[in-house]
Amino acid sequence: MATSSEKQSFVDLIESMELVEADRIYALSNSVGKILDDSEARKILRHFMGSEKRSVQCVDIYEKCAEFLEKHPKYESCECEILARLGLPSHLKQRLFYRMNRGDPNSISLCLKNIQAECLSEVAECFRDFKDSITKVRMNLKLKTLG
């Protein structure tokens, strides 16, 4: 559960949101992946998740994997350690380390995409509440513009 200061940070962030931005994030909220691929939406999700450390770690790992995939096929072994410091579970670290030692860029890319998929499923557990919050914000902003 998020602390009251983390909840306040999320509330402050969404209360400063314009209707256009709320509509855009609402449109993305049909997919966890779309939210995680959008930097502004990902920022809002991070604030929403607050102290749910495991899920926030998954967002960080997902984001770092995306950065590494952009560099394809030039992977470096230190990338495995970076992910480990972010909280990558040991079984996934071992898989990635094995593929990096083999040096096959396609195998490494596939492994990074599998790590992202596991992160997506972890984040999806709290995603329904996030989508509900964005829906409420959007509706409140629409009511303000009408009234």
N, C-alpha and C. Protein backbone atom coordinates (compact mmCIF):
# COMPACT_ATOMS: atom_id res chain seq x y z
N MET A 1 0.83 -1.18 0.00
CA MET A 1 0.00 0.00 0.00
C MET A 1 0.88 1.24 0.00
N ALA A 2 0.51 2.22 -0.75
CA ALA A 2 1.28 3.45 -0.85
C ALA A 2 1.09 4.30 0.41
N THR A 3 2.14 5.02 0.81
CA THR A 3 2.04 5.91 1.95
C THR A 3 1.22 7.13 1.57
N SER A 4 0.80 7.90 2.58
CA SER A 4 -0.05 9.05 2.29
C SER A 4 0.70 10.10 1.47
N SER A 5 2.03 10.27 1.70
CA SER A 5 2.77 11.25 0.91
C SER A 5 2.89 10.80 -0.55
N GLU A 6 3.02 9.48 -0.79
CA GLU A 6 3.08 8.97 -2.16
C GLU A 6 1.73 9.12 -2.83
N LYS A 7 0.66 8.86 -2.09
CA LYS A 7 -0.68 9.05 -2.64
C LYS A 7 -0.89 10.52 -2.98
N GLN A 8 -0.41 11.42 -2.10
CA GLN A 8 -0.56 12.85 -2.35
C GLN A 8 0.21 13.25 -3.60
N SER A 9 1.39 12.70 -3.77
CA SER A 9 2.19 12.99 -4.97
C SER A 9 1.43 12.60 -6.23
N PHE A 10 0.78 11.45 -6.20
CA PHE A 10 -0.02 11.01 -7.33
C PHE A 10 -1.20 11.95 -7.54
N VAL A 11 -1.87 12.31 -6.45
CA VAL A 11 -3.03 13.20 -6.54
C VAL A 11 -2.59 14.55 -7.12
N ASP A 12 -1.48 15.09 -6.63
CA ASP A 12 -0.97 16.37 -7.16
C ASP A 12 -0.69 16.27 -8.66
N LEU A 13 -0.09 15.15 -9.05
CA LEU A 13 0.27 14.95 -10.46
C LEU A 13 -0.98 14.90 -11.35
N ILE A 14 -1.98 14.16 -10.94
CA ILE A 14 -3.17 14.04 -11.79
C ILE A 14 -4.06 15.26 -11.73
N GLU A 15 -4.02 15.98 -10.60
CA GLU A 15 -4.82 17.20 -10.52
C GLU A 15 -4.26 18.31 -11.40
N SER A 16 -2.97 18.24 -11.70
CA SER A 16 -2.36 19.24 -12.57
C SER A 16 -2.49 18.87 -14.05
N MET A 17 -3.10 17.74 -14.30
CA MET A 17 -3.23 17.22 -15.66
C MET A 17 -4.32 17.99 -16.44
N GLU A 18 -4.06 18.20 -17.71
CA GLU A 18 -5.05 18.80 -18.61
C GLU A 18 -5.94 17.68 -19.16
N LEU A 19 -7.12 18.03 -19.63
CA LEU A 19 -8.05 17.05 -20.18
C LEU A 19 -7.44 16.30 -21.36
N VAL A 20 -6.72 17.00 -22.22
CA VAL A 20 -6.10 16.37 -23.39
C VAL A 20 -5.14 15.26 -22.95
N GLU A 21 -4.34 15.55 -21.91
CA GLU A 21 -3.38 14.56 -21.41
C GLU A 21 -4.12 13.39 -20.75
N ALA A 22 -5.17 13.68 -20.00
CA ALA A 22 -5.95 12.61 -19.37
C ALA A 22 -6.59 11.72 -20.44
N ASP A 23 -7.10 12.33 -21.50
CA ASP A 23 -7.68 11.54 -22.60
C ASP A 23 -6.62 10.67 -23.27
N ARG A 24 -5.44 11.23 -23.46
CA ARG A 24 -4.37 10.48 -24.11
C ARG A 24 -3.95 9.27 -23.26
N ILE A 25 -3.79 9.49 -21.97
CA ILE A 25 -3.38 8.39 -21.09
C ILE A 25 -4.52 7.38 -20.94
N TYR A 26 -5.75 7.86 -20.92
CA TYR A 26 -6.89 6.95 -20.87
C TYR A 26 -6.90 6.04 -22.10
N ALA A 27 -6.63 6.62 -23.27
CA ALA A 27 -6.59 5.82 -24.51
C ALA A 27 -5.49 4.76 -24.44
N LEU A 28 -4.37 5.10 -23.81
CA LEU A 28 -3.28 4.13 -23.66
C LEU A 28 -3.59 3.05 -22.62
N SER A 29 -4.51 3.36 -21.71
CA SER A 29 -4.74 2.47 -20.57
C SER A 29 -5.44 1.16 -20.91
N ASN A 30 -5.72 0.94 -22.17
CA ASN A 30 -6.27 -0.36 -22.57
C ASN A 30 -5.18 -1.41 -22.64
N SER A 31 -3.93 -0.99 -22.51
CA SER A 31 -2.81 -1.91 -22.62
C SER A 31 -1.70 -1.52 -21.64
N VAL A 32 -1.30 -2.45 -20.80
CA VAL A 32 -0.19 -2.20 -19.88
C VAL A 32 1.05 -1.84 -20.68
N GLY A 33 1.29 -2.55 -21.77
CA GLY A 33 2.46 -2.30 -22.60
C GLY A 33 2.50 -0.90 -23.17
N LYS A 34 1.35 -0.39 -23.61
CA LYS A 34 1.31 0.97 -24.16
C LYS A 34 1.63 2.00 -23.09
N ILE A 35 1.14 1.77 -21.87
CA ILE A 35 1.45 2.68 -20.77
C ILE A 35 2.95 2.64 -20.48
N LEU A 36 3.52 1.44 -20.43
CA LEU A 36 4.94 1.31 -20.12
C LEU A 36 5.84 1.84 -21.23
N ASP A 37 5.35 1.89 -22.45
CA ASP A 37 6.14 2.40 -23.57
C ASP A 37 6.08 3.92 -23.70
N ASP A 38 5.19 4.56 -22.96
CA ASP A 38 5.02 6.02 -23.02
C ASP A 38 5.64 6.64 -21.77
N SER A 39 6.61 7.50 -21.92
CA SER A 39 7.36 8.02 -20.76
C SER A 39 6.48 8.80 -19.78
N GLU A 40 5.58 9.62 -20.26
CA GLU A 40 4.73 10.40 -19.36
C GLU A 40 3.72 9.50 -18.63
N ALA A 41 3.12 8.57 -19.35
CA ALA A 41 2.18 7.64 -18.73
C ALA A 41 2.89 6.74 -17.72
N ARG A 42 4.12 6.33 -18.05
CA ARG A 42 4.91 5.50 -17.14
C ARG A 42 5.22 6.26 -15.85
N LYS A 43 5.49 7.56 -15.97
CA LYS A 43 5.76 8.40 -14.80
C LYS A 43 4.53 8.43 -13.88
N ILE A 44 3.37 8.59 -14.47
CA ILE A 44 2.14 8.64 -13.69
C ILE A 44 1.87 7.29 -13.04
N LEU A 45 2.10 6.22 -13.77
CA LEU A 45 1.93 4.87 -13.21
C LEU A 45 2.87 4.66 -12.03
N ARG A 46 4.12 5.10 -12.15
CA ARG A 46 5.08 4.97 -11.04
C ARG A 46 4.56 5.66 -9.79
N HIS A 47 4.06 6.88 -9.95
CA HIS A 47 3.52 7.61 -8.80
C HIS A 47 2.31 6.89 -8.22
N PHE A 48 1.48 6.35 -9.07
CA PHE A 48 0.30 5.63 -8.60
C PHE A 48 0.69 4.41 -7.77
N MET A 49 1.66 3.69 -8.27
CA MET A 49 2.07 2.45 -7.61
C MET A 49 2.75 2.71 -6.27
N GLY A 50 3.30 3.91 -6.11
CA GLY A 50 3.86 4.32 -4.84
C GLY A 50 4.81 3.34 -4.22
N SER A 51 4.44 2.83 -3.09
CA SER A 51 5.36 1.99 -2.31
C SER A 51 5.30 0.51 -2.68
N GLU A 52 4.56 0.15 -3.70
CA GLU A 52 4.52 -1.25 -4.12
C GLU A 52 5.83 -1.56 -4.84
N LYS A 53 6.88 -1.69 -4.06
CA LYS A 53 8.25 -1.75 -4.56
C LYS A 53 8.45 -2.77 -5.67
N ARG A 54 7.88 -3.93 -5.56
CA ARG A 54 8.10 -4.96 -6.56
C ARG A 54 7.59 -4.51 -7.93
N SER A 55 6.43 -3.95 -7.98
CA SER A 55 5.88 -3.52 -9.26
C SER A 55 6.66 -2.36 -9.84
N VAL A 56 7.12 -1.44 -8.98
CA VAL A 56 7.92 -0.32 -9.46
C VAL A 56 9.23 -0.85 -10.03
N GLN A 57 9.81 -1.86 -9.38
CA GLN A 57 11.03 -2.47 -9.92
C GLN A 57 10.76 -3.03 -11.31
N CYS A 58 9.61 -3.63 -11.50
CA CYS A 58 9.27 -4.19 -12.81
C CYS A 58 9.18 -3.10 -13.87
N VAL A 59 8.64 -1.96 -13.50
CA VAL A 59 8.58 -0.83 -14.45
C VAL A 59 9.99 -0.40 -14.83
N ASP A 60 10.87 -0.31 -13.84
CA ASP A 60 12.26 0.08 -14.10
C ASP A 60 12.97 -0.94 -15.00
N ILE A 61 12.77 -2.22 -14.72
CA ILE A 61 13.41 -3.28 -15.51
C ILE A 61 12.86 -3.26 -16.94
N TYR A 62 11.55 -3.10 -17.08
CA TYR A 62 10.93 -3.04 -18.41
C TYR A 62 11.55 -1.90 -19.22
N GLU A 63 11.66 -0.74 -18.59
CA GLU A 63 12.20 0.44 -19.26
C GLU A 63 13.66 0.22 -19.68
N LYS A 64 14.46 -0.38 -18.80
CA LYS A 64 15.87 -0.61 -19.11
C LYS A 64 16.01 -1.65 -20.23
N CYS A 65 15.18 -2.68 -20.23
CA CYS A 65 15.21 -3.67 -21.32
C CYS A 65 14.90 -2.99 -22.66
N ALA A 66 13.94 -2.07 -22.65
CA ALA A 66 13.60 -1.34 -23.88
C ALA A 66 14.81 -0.54 -24.38
N GLU A 67 15.54 0.08 -23.45
CA GLU A 67 16.75 0.81 -23.84
C GLU A 67 17.78 -0.13 -24.47
N PHE A 68 17.96 -1.29 -23.87
CA PHE A 68 18.93 -2.26 -24.39
C PHE A 68 18.51 -2.79 -25.75
N LEU A 69 17.21 -3.01 -25.94
CA LEU A 69 16.72 -3.51 -27.22
C LEU A 69 16.94 -2.50 -28.34
N GLU A 70 16.94 -1.23 -28.01
CA GLU A 70 17.21 -0.20 -29.02
C GLU A 70 18.64 -0.29 -29.54
N LYS A 71 19.55 -0.81 -28.71
CA LYS A 71 20.96 -0.92 -29.10
C LYS A 71 21.25 -2.18 -29.90
N HIS A 72 20.26 -3.03 -30.11
CA HIS A 72 20.45 -4.31 -30.81
C HIS A 72 21.28 -4.09 -32.06
N PRO A 73 22.28 -4.85 -32.37
CA PRO A 73 22.76 -6.07 -31.71
C PRO A 73 23.97 -5.85 -30.81
N LYS A 74 24.23 -4.63 -30.38
CA LYS A 74 25.44 -4.35 -29.60
C LYS A 74 25.15 -4.43 -28.10
N TYR A 75 25.07 -5.64 -27.57
CA TYR A 75 24.81 -5.84 -26.15
C TYR A 75 26.12 -5.97 -25.40
N GLU A 76 26.12 -5.48 -24.16
CA GLU A 76 27.31 -5.57 -23.32
C GLU A 76 26.97 -6.35 -22.05
N SER A 77 27.94 -7.07 -21.51
CA SER A 77 27.70 -7.90 -20.34
C SER A 77 27.30 -7.09 -19.11
N CYS A 78 27.71 -5.84 -19.03
CA CYS A 78 27.35 -5.02 -17.87
C CYS A 78 25.84 -4.77 -17.80
N GLU A 79 25.15 -4.93 -18.91
CA GLU A 79 23.71 -4.71 -18.92
C GLU A 79 22.99 -5.71 -18.03
N CYS A 80 23.52 -6.91 -17.95
CA CYS A 80 22.95 -7.93 -17.07
C CYS A 80 23.05 -7.46 -15.61
N GLU A 81 24.18 -6.89 -15.25
CA GLU A 81 24.37 -6.39 -13.88
C GLU A 81 23.49 -5.19 -13.58
N ILE A 82 23.30 -4.35 -14.57
CA ILE A 82 22.41 -3.19 -14.38
C ILE A 82 21.00 -3.68 -14.06
N LEU A 83 20.51 -4.66 -14.81
CA LEU A 83 19.19 -5.22 -14.55
C LEU A 83 19.13 -5.89 -13.18
N ALA A 84 20.20 -6.56 -12.79
CA ALA A 84 20.25 -7.22 -11.48
C ALA A 84 20.14 -6.18 -10.36
N ARG A 85 20.83 -5.05 -10.52
CA ARG A 85 20.75 -3.98 -9.51
C ARG A 85 19.35 -3.39 -9.43
N LEU A 86 18.64 -3.43 -10.53
CA LEU A 86 17.26 -2.92 -10.54
C LEU A 86 16.28 -3.91 -9.89
N GLY A 87 16.74 -5.14 -9.64
CA GLY A 87 15.89 -6.12 -8.98
C GLY A 87 15.48 -7.29 -9.85
N LEU A 88 16.17 -7.51 -10.97
CA LEU A 88 15.86 -8.65 -11.83
C LEU A 88 16.01 -9.94 -11.04
N PRO A 89 14.96 -10.78 -11.03
CA PRO A 89 15.05 -12.06 -10.30
C PRO A 89 16.21 -12.90 -10.82
N SER A 90 16.78 -13.68 -9.93
CA SER A 90 18.00 -14.43 -10.26
C SER A 90 17.81 -15.41 -11.42
N HIS A 91 16.64 -16.04 -11.52
CA HIS A 91 16.44 -17.00 -12.62
C HIS A 91 16.45 -16.29 -13.98
N LEU A 92 15.94 -15.06 -14.03
CA LEU A 92 15.97 -14.30 -15.28
C LEU A 92 17.37 -13.77 -15.56
N LYS A 93 18.07 -13.40 -14.50
CA LYS A 93 19.46 -12.95 -14.66
C LYS A 93 20.32 -14.09 -15.22
N GLN A 94 20.10 -15.30 -14.72
CA GLN A 94 20.88 -16.45 -15.20
C GLN A 94 20.59 -16.72 -16.68
N ARG A 95 19.32 -16.63 -17.07
CA ARG A 95 18.96 -16.83 -18.48
C ARG A 95 19.66 -15.81 -19.38
N LEU A 96 19.59 -14.55 -18.95
CA LEU A 96 20.19 -13.48 -19.74
C LEU A 96 21.72 -13.63 -19.79
N PHE A 97 22.32 -13.93 -18.65
CA PHE A 97 23.76 -14.09 -18.59
C PHE A 97 24.22 -15.23 -19.51
N TYR A 98 23.49 -16.33 -19.52
CA TYR A 98 23.81 -17.47 -20.39
C TYR A 98 23.79 -17.03 -21.86
N ARG A 99 22.75 -16.29 -22.24
CA ARG A 99 22.62 -15.85 -23.63
C ARG A 99 23.70 -14.84 -24.01
N MET A 100 24.05 -13.98 -23.07
CA MET A 100 25.11 -13.00 -23.35
C MET A 100 26.45 -13.71 -23.52
N ASN A 101 26.69 -14.73 -22.73
CA ASN A 101 27.94 -15.49 -22.87
C ASN A 101 28.02 -16.21 -24.22
N ARG A 102 26.88 -16.63 -24.74
CA ARG A 102 26.85 -17.28 -26.05
C ARG A 102 27.06 -16.27 -27.17
N GLY A 103 26.69 -15.00 -26.91
CA GLY A 103 26.95 -13.94 -27.88
C GLY A 103 26.01 -13.86 -29.06
N ASP A 104 24.87 -14.54 -29.00
CA ASP A 104 23.90 -14.50 -30.09
C ASP A 104 22.93 -13.33 -29.86
N PRO A 105 23.04 -12.25 -30.64
CA PRO A 105 22.20 -11.07 -30.43
C PRO A 105 20.70 -11.37 -30.50
N ASN A 106 20.30 -12.27 -31.38
CA ASN A 106 18.88 -12.59 -31.49
C ASN A 106 18.37 -13.29 -30.24
N SER A 107 19.18 -14.18 -29.69
CA SER A 107 18.83 -14.88 -28.46
C SER A 107 18.75 -13.90 -27.29
N ILE A 108 19.68 -12.95 -27.25
CA ILE A 108 19.68 -11.94 -26.19
C ILE A 108 18.43 -11.07 -26.31
N SER A 109 18.09 -10.65 -27.52
CA SER A 109 16.89 -9.84 -27.74
C SER A 109 15.64 -10.58 -27.29
N LEU A 110 15.55 -11.84 -27.65
CA LEU A 110 14.41 -12.65 -27.25
C LEU A 110 14.32 -12.75 -25.73
N CYS A 111 15.45 -12.94 -25.07
CA CYS A 111 15.47 -13.01 -23.62
C CYS A 111 15.01 -11.69 -23.00
N LEU A 112 15.50 -10.56 -23.53
CA LEU A 112 15.08 -9.25 -23.02
C LEU A 112 13.57 -9.04 -23.21
N LYS A 113 13.05 -9.50 -24.34
CA LYS A 113 11.60 -9.39 -24.57
C LYS A 113 10.82 -10.28 -23.62
N ASN A 114 11.35 -11.45 -23.29
CA ASN A 114 10.70 -12.33 -22.31
C ASN A 114 10.71 -11.71 -20.92
N ILE A 115 11.81 -11.04 -20.58
CA ILE A 115 11.88 -10.32 -19.30
C ILE A 115 10.82 -9.23 -19.26
N GLN A 116 10.68 -8.50 -20.37
CA GLN A 116 9.64 -7.46 -20.44
C GLN A 116 8.25 -8.07 -20.27
N ALA A 117 8.01 -9.23 -20.86
CA ALA A 117 6.71 -9.88 -20.75
C ALA A 117 6.42 -10.24 -19.29
N GLU A 118 7.42 -10.73 -18.58
CA GLU A 118 7.22 -11.05 -17.16
C GLU A 118 6.94 -9.79 -16.35
N CYS A 119 7.61 -8.71 -16.70
CA CYS A 119 7.36 -7.43 -16.02
C CYS A 119 5.93 -6.94 -16.29
N LEU A 120 5.49 -7.10 -17.53
CA LEU A 120 4.12 -6.70 -17.87
C LEU A 120 3.10 -7.44 -17.02
N SER A 121 3.29 -8.74 -16.85
CA SER A 121 2.31 -9.51 -16.07
C SER A 121 2.34 -9.10 -14.60
N GLU A 122 3.52 -8.73 -14.09
CA GLU A 122 3.62 -8.27 -12.70
C GLU A 122 2.90 -6.94 -12.52
N VAL A 123 3.11 -6.02 -13.44
CA VAL A 123 2.48 -4.70 -13.35
C VAL A 123 0.97 -4.81 -13.56
N ALA A 124 0.55 -5.75 -14.38
CA ALA A 124 -0.89 -5.91 -14.67
C ALA A 124 -1.72 -6.18 -13.43
N GLU A 125 -1.09 -6.72 -12.39
CA GLU A 125 -1.82 -7.03 -11.17
C GLU A 125 -2.41 -5.78 -10.51
N CYS A 126 -1.72 -4.65 -10.60
CA CYS A 126 -2.24 -3.43 -9.98
C CYS A 126 -2.79 -2.46 -11.03
N PHE A 127 -2.82 -2.87 -12.26
CA PHE A 127 -3.16 -1.97 -13.36
C PHE A 127 -4.64 -1.57 -13.37
N ARG A 128 -5.51 -2.45 -12.96
CA ARG A 128 -6.95 -2.15 -12.96
C ARG A 128 -7.25 -0.91 -12.12
N ASP A 129 -6.65 -0.83 -10.94
CA ASP A 129 -6.86 0.33 -10.07
C ASP A 129 -6.32 1.60 -10.72
N PHE A 130 -5.19 1.50 -11.41
CA PHE A 130 -4.62 2.65 -12.11
C PHE A 130 -5.58 3.13 -13.19
N LYS A 131 -6.11 2.21 -13.97
CA LYS A 131 -7.04 2.57 -15.04
C LYS A 131 -8.29 3.23 -14.47
N ASP A 132 -8.78 2.71 -13.36
CA ASP A 132 -9.96 3.31 -12.70
C ASP A 132 -9.66 4.74 -12.25
N SER A 133 -8.46 4.97 -11.73
CA SER A 133 -8.09 6.32 -11.29
C SER A 133 -8.02 7.29 -12.47
N ILE A 134 -7.44 6.84 -13.56
CA ILE A 134 -7.35 7.70 -14.75
C ILE A 134 -8.75 8.00 -15.28
N THR A 135 -9.63 7.02 -15.25
CA THR A 135 -11.01 7.22 -15.70
C THR A 135 -11.70 8.28 -14.85
N LYS A 136 -11.52 8.21 -13.53
CA LYS A 136 -12.14 9.20 -12.63
C LYS A 136 -11.59 10.60 -12.90
N VAL A 137 -10.29 10.70 -13.08
CA VAL A 137 -9.67 12.00 -13.35
C VAL A 137 -10.22 12.57 -14.64
N ARG A 138 -10.30 11.74 -15.64
CA ARG A 138 -10.80 12.17 -16.94
C ARG A 138 -12.24 12.67 -16.84
N MET A 139 -13.06 11.93 -16.12
CA MET A 139 -14.46 12.33 -15.97
C MET A 139 -14.57 13.64 -15.18
N ASN A 140 -13.77 13.79 -14.14
CA ASN A 140 -13.80 15.03 -13.36
C ASN A 140 -13.36 16.22 -14.21
N LEU A 141 -12.35 16.03 -15.03
CA LEU A 141 -11.90 17.11 -15.92
C LEU A 141 -12.96 17.46 -16.95
N LYS A 142 -13.66 16.46 -17.46
CA LYS A 142 -14.73 16.73 -18.42
C LYS A 142 -15.86 17.51 -17.76
N LEU A 143 -16.21 17.13 -16.53
CA LEU A 143 -17.26 17.84 -15.80
C LEU A 143 -16.87 19.30 -15.53
N LYS A 144 -15.61 19.54 -15.23
CA LYS A 144 -15.14 20.91 -14.99
C LYS A 144 -15.26 21.76 -16.26
N THR A 145 -14.97 21.16 -17.42
CA THR A 145 -15.05 21.93 -18.66
C THR A 145 -16.50 22.22 -19.04
N LEU A 146 -17.41 21.35 -18.63
CA LEU A 146 -18.83 21.56 -18.94
C LEU A 146 -19.48 22.54 -17.98
N GLY A 147 -19.01 22.54 -16.74
CA GLY A 147 -19.72 23.29 -15.72
C GLY A 147 -19.13 24.57 -15.38
